[in-house]
Amino acid sequence: MGEISIKINIADRVYPLRVETAEEEIIRHAAKLVNERIKELQENYAVRDKQDLLSMCVLQYATGMIKAERSAQQHEEGVEEKVHELDSLLTDFFKK
């Protein structure tokens, strides 16, 4: 599709980016989520430094990503095990 230039505001700073057209909506949504999370952290904790708020936000998102990756991996392993069981059942069935 091609690249476009956009400006993203995160924690009151503007970042010019060149992104694929198809990714623009995702990037804007991600920036919105980060800003909302920073606002929540700022309201709930006595932290005012933007760098600290960004660090806390990144840590929360990274933790969530790691949990999701582990969950997906466990799910894949479960599916793989079921496929092997099904394969064994079918092999036994067709041997008869």
Foldseek 3Di string as FASTA:
>chain_A
DAWDWDWAAALNDIDIDIDDPVCPVVVNVVRVVRNVQLVVCVVPDVDDDSVVSSVVSVVVVVVVVVVVVVVVVVVVVVVVVVVVVVVVVVVVVVVD
